[in-house]
Protein backbone atom coordinates (compact mmCIF):
# COMPACT_ATOMS: atom_id res chain seq x y z
CA MET A 1 -46.11 -71.23 179.69
CA ARG A 2 -47.99 -69.67 176.97
CA ARG A 3 -47.61 -70.83 173.78
CA ALA A 4 -47.28 -67.63 171.92
CA GLY A 5 -44.55 -66.34 174.14
CA ILE A 6 -42.49 -69.42 173.20
CA LEU A 7 -43.43 -68.89 169.37
CA ALA A 8 -42.20 -65.15 169.72
CA VAL A 9 -39.03 -66.39 170.67
CA VAL A 10 -38.25 -69.27 168.13
CA VAL A 11 -39.30 -67.74 165.44
CA LEU A 12 -36.30 -64.71 166.31
CA GLY A 13 -33.85 -67.79 166.53
CA ALA A 14 -35.66 -69.29 163.14
CA ILE A 15 -34.72 -66.35 161.44
CA GLY A 16 -30.89 -66.30 162.74
CA VAL A 17 -30.54 -70.00 161.94
CA GLY A 18 -31.75 -69.28 158.22
CA THR A 19 -29.23 -66.81 158.01
CA ALA A 20 -26.57 -68.45 158.88
CA LEU A 21 -26.90 -70.73 156.18
CA ALA A 22 -26.79 -67.98 153.78
CA ALA A 23 -23.54 -66.54 153.24
CA GLN A 24 -22.12 -64.02 150.53
CA GLY A 25 -19.79 -67.00 149.03
CA ASP A 26 -23.07 -68.55 147.61
CA PRO A 27 -22.53 -70.79 144.64
CA GLN A 28 -23.15 -69.30 141.50
CA GLN A 29 -26.73 -69.71 140.37
CA LYS A 30 -27.15 -71.21 137.15
CA HIS A 31 -30.67 -73.27 137.59
CA ASN A 32 -32.43 -75.17 135.18
CA LYS A 33 -35.88 -76.25 135.48
CA ALA A 34 -34.77 -80.26 135.33
CA ASP A 35 -32.37 -79.49 138.49
CA MET A 36 -35.25 -77.40 140.14
CA SER A 37 -37.76 -80.20 139.66
CA ARG A 38 -35.04 -82.67 141.17
CA ALA A 39 -34.21 -80.67 144.12
CA ARG A 40 -38.13 -80.37 145.22
CA ALA A 41 -39.09 -83.64 144.33
CA ALA A 42 -36.23 -84.88 146.93
CA SER A 43 -37.03 -82.38 149.64
CA LEU A 44 -39.50 -82.99 152.73
CA ARG A 45 -42.79 -82.90 152.25
CA LEU A 46 -46.21 -83.00 154.78
CA SER A 47 -46.79 -86.26 153.78
CA ASP A 48 -43.41 -87.37 155.39
CA PHE A 49 -45.06 -86.08 158.79
CA PRO A 50 -47.73 -87.35 161.20
CA ALA A 51 -51.12 -86.21 161.64
CA GLY A 52 -51.48 -82.73 163.27
CA TRP A 53 -48.31 -81.43 161.76
CA LYS A 54 -48.76 -78.26 159.31
CA ALA A 55 -46.75 -76.70 156.49
CA SER A 56 -45.86 -73.22 156.52
CA PRO A 57 -44.06 -70.81 153.76
CA ALA A 58 -40.06 -71.35 154.65
CA SER A 59 -39.00 -68.12 156.50
CA LYS A 60 -37.38 -65.42 154.49
CA THR A 61 -34.29 -63.92 155.71
CA ASP A 62 -32.42 -61.04 154.96
CA ASN A 63 -29.07 -62.39 153.35
CA SER A 64 -27.11 -58.77 153.31
CA ASN A 65 -25.19 -59.53 156.17
CA PRO A 66 -25.21 -63.01 156.83
CA ARG A 67 -21.56 -63.47 158.25
CA CYS A 68 -20.68 -65.37 161.27
CA SER A 69 -17.43 -65.09 162.96
CA ILE A 70 -16.45 -68.66 163.00
CA TYR A 71 -18.14 -69.89 159.85
CA ASN A 72 -17.83 -68.35 156.26
CA PRO A 73 -18.02 -70.85 153.76
CA ASP A 74 -17.40 -69.78 150.44
CA GLN A 75 -18.79 -71.49 147.49
CA SER A 76 -18.47 -68.77 144.87
CA ASP A 77 -16.24 -71.03 142.43
CA LEU A 78 -18.97 -73.86 142.22
CA VAL A 79 -22.21 -73.87 140.17
CA GLU A 80 -25.63 -74.84 141.41
CA THR A 81 -27.99 -75.92 138.71
CA GLY A 82 -31.10 -76.53 141.28
CA LYS A 83 -32.67 -75.41 144.92
CA TYR A 84 -35.34 -75.69 146.79
CA ASP A 85 -36.11 -74.53 150.32
CA ALA A 86 -39.35 -76.72 151.68
CA PRO A 87 -42.05 -75.41 153.76
CA ASP A 88 -41.53 -75.32 157.92
CA PHE A 89 -43.73 -78.23 158.59
CA GLY A 90 -44.77 -77.66 162.89
CA ARG A 91 -46.60 -79.40 165.01
CA PRO A 92 -49.06 -77.78 167.70
CA ASP A 93 -46.04 -76.88 170.20
CA SER A 94 -44.27 -74.78 167.66
CA SER A 95 -41.50 -77.10 167.29
CA PHE A 96 -40.69 -77.69 163.67
CA VAL A 97 -38.57 -79.23 160.60
CA SER A 98 -37.43 -77.46 157.38
CA SER A 99 -35.21 -78.63 154.66
CA SER A 100 -33.03 -77.06 152.01
CA THR A 101 -31.77 -79.23 148.98
CA GLY A 102 -29.20 -78.19 146.46
CA VAL A 103 -27.97 -79.45 143.34
CA PHE A 104 -24.65 -78.88 141.61
CA GLN A 105 -23.38 -78.92 138.18
CA THR A 106 -21.49 -82.05 138.55
CA ALA A 107 -20.92 -84.47 141.83
CA ALA A 108 -17.08 -83.14 142.08
CA MET A 109 -18.94 -79.60 142.79
CA ALA A 110 -21.30 -80.95 145.39
CA LYS A 111 -18.55 -82.96 147.04
CA THR A 112 -16.45 -79.92 147.12
CA GLY A 113 -19.07 -77.66 148.42
CA TYR A 114 -20.63 -80.24 151.29
CA ALA A 115 -17.04 -80.60 152.47
CA ARG A 116 -16.53 -76.59 153.13
CA VAL A 117 -20.39 -76.98 154.86
CA ALA A 118 -20.28 -79.72 156.80
CA VAL A 119 -17.75 -78.61 159.85
CA PRO A 120 -18.14 -78.81 163.73
CA GLN A 121 -18.22 -74.91 163.34
CA LEU A 122 -21.57 -75.03 161.78
CA SER A 123 -23.56 -75.24 164.78
CA ALA A 124 -21.65 -73.02 167.05
CA CYS A 125 -22.44 -70.40 164.13
CA PHE A 126 -26.06 -71.50 164.85
CA GLY A 127 -25.76 -70.40 168.34
CA GLU A 128 -23.76 -67.39 167.87
CA ILE A 129 -26.42 -66.04 165.86
CA PHE A 130 -29.43 -67.37 167.60
CA VAL A 131 -28.02 -65.53 170.99
CA LYS A 132 -27.81 -62.53 169.03
CA ALA A 133 -31.44 -62.52 167.35
CA ILE A 134 -33.12 -62.82 171.05
CA LYS A 135 -33.86 -59.25 171.78
CA ALA A 136 -34.74 -58.01 175.44
CA PRO A 137 -36.36 -58.51 177.85
CA ASN A 138 -35.73 -62.09 176.18
CA SER A 139 -32.21 -63.63 176.41
CA ALA A 140 -30.48 -66.83 174.97
CA THR A 141 -27.44 -68.76 176.51
CA VAL A 142 -26.01 -71.61 174.38
CA ILE A 143 -25.57 -74.83 176.37
CA SER A 144 -23.47 -77.09 174.14
CA SER A 145 -22.91 -77.31 170.42
CA GLY A 146 -20.93 -79.81 168.17
CA PRO A 147 -21.43 -83.12 166.31
CA ILE A 148 -23.79 -85.93 167.02
CA ALA A 149 -24.00 -89.83 166.28
CA PHE A 150 -25.99 -90.34 163.00
CA LYS A 151 -26.78 -93.26 160.66
CA LYS A 152 -24.71 -92.71 157.10
CA VAL A 153 -26.89 -91.65 154.46
CA GLY A 154 -25.92 -90.72 150.94
CA ASP A 155 -22.08 -90.83 149.98
CA ARG A 156 -21.25 -88.75 152.97
CA SER A 157 -23.10 -87.22 156.03
CA ASN A 158 -22.51 -85.64 159.06
CA ALA A 159 -24.92 -84.50 162.28
CA TYR A 160 -24.64 -81.40 164.56
CA ARG A 161 -26.49 -80.32 167.86
CA LEU A 162 -26.97 -77.27 169.24
CA VAL A 163 -28.83 -76.75 172.61
CA VAL A 164 -29.86 -73.49 173.83
CA SER A 165 -31.67 -72.00 177.27
CA VAL A 166 -33.96 -69.34 175.87
CA LYS A 167 -35.02 -67.09 178.99
CA THR A 168 -38.79 -64.86 178.46
CA GLN A 169 -40.60 -63.61 180.65
CA GLN A 170 -42.83 -66.46 181.19
CA GLY A 171 -40.11 -68.90 182.25
CA THR A 172 -36.59 -70.41 180.85
CA VAL A 173 -37.34 -72.71 177.40
CA PRO A 174 -34.78 -75.22 176.26
CA VAL A 175 -34.44 -75.37 172.78
CA THR A 176 -32.46 -77.99 170.81
CA THR A 177 -31.61 -77.82 167.02
CA ASP A 178 -30.32 -80.82 165.23
CA ILE A 179 -28.91 -80.54 161.92
CA SER A 180 -28.32 -83.21 159.68
CA LEU A 181 -26.45 -82.68 156.38
CA PHE A 182 -25.50 -85.51 153.37
CA ASN A 183 -24.32 -85.46 150.06
CA LYS A 184 -25.15 -87.63 147.28
CA GLY A 185 -24.04 -87.40 143.99
CA ARG A 186 -24.89 -84.02 142.77
CA THR A 187 -27.16 -83.17 145.50
CA ASP A 188 -26.38 -81.81 149.05
CA VAL A 189 -29.08 -81.91 151.81
CA ALA A 190 -29.34 -80.10 154.76
CA ILE A 191 -32.33 -80.88 157.23
CA ILE A 192 -33.05 -78.64 160.67
CA PHE A 193 -34.67 -80.25 163.34
CA PHE A 194 -36.09 -77.42 165.95
CA GLY A 195 -37.47 -78.97 169.17
CA ILE A 196 -38.68 -76.73 171.66
CA VAL A 197 -38.25 -78.24 175.71
CA GLU A 198 -38.06 -81.57 174.29
CA PRO A 199 -35.21 -82.93 171.29
CA PHE A 200 -36.84 -85.18 168.37
CA PRO A 201 -36.47 -88.72 168.79
CA PRO A 202 -32.76 -89.40 166.91
CA ALA A 203 -34.86 -92.47 165.22
CA TRP A 204 -37.20 -90.39 163.74
CA GLU A 205 -34.85 -87.92 162.68
CA GLN A 206 -32.68 -90.58 160.98
CA MET A 207 -35.70 -92.03 159.35
CA LEU A 208 -36.55 -88.71 157.74
CA THR A 209 -33.45 -88.13 156.50
CA ALA A 210 -32.88 -91.38 155.04
CA ARG A 211 -36.14 -90.93 153.66
CA VAL A 212 -35.12 -88.00 151.44
CA ALA A 213 -31.79 -89.54 150.78
CA SER A 214 -34.08 -91.91 148.85
CA ARG A 215 -35.54 -89.58 146.91
CA VAL A 216 -32.48 -88.17 145.43
CA ARG A 217 -32.09 -88.89 141.85
């Protein structure tokens, strides 16, 4: 299958995934320089990846109507003081990894916000929006979604997997999205592993997640 054909479909899916994480119930933004730097310092960087991977700007999404019928966390009563969306880090087959780091005003707020986001419906929502994002003549079918086993990091952590079959003019492409989330003190982190054809090795995903957690201050 031509890589360009795969990439076109994946980009559409990625836009949908990004939208799922940005609800209208986002926390109040009272960003300060110290916590913006704290969020950036903890996030993924190109040096975390093997040779041959490249960084590209994080996907821009339209947040005007990001609601999902089964997942719509409300964090509007919480205060976010730092935020950083890392670049998308991709390998030649167009698989990629991205991360989003948020710092809250207090550890209690971060814990509350995390509890509202890290629920089993998260991966199902990714699937719902992904399927809607794939336009004719292509189509996508959700094969499975739900929690997966993952080593604990930070104060609390969860991981979920979405498996989607994407039908294109060049053939059918399996896409596996693993979502790793953790909370540590005032910081909440989400890492998305977007694997085309094959999922990323679990040990590698866990290593990257633990590396980010070790940088949270």
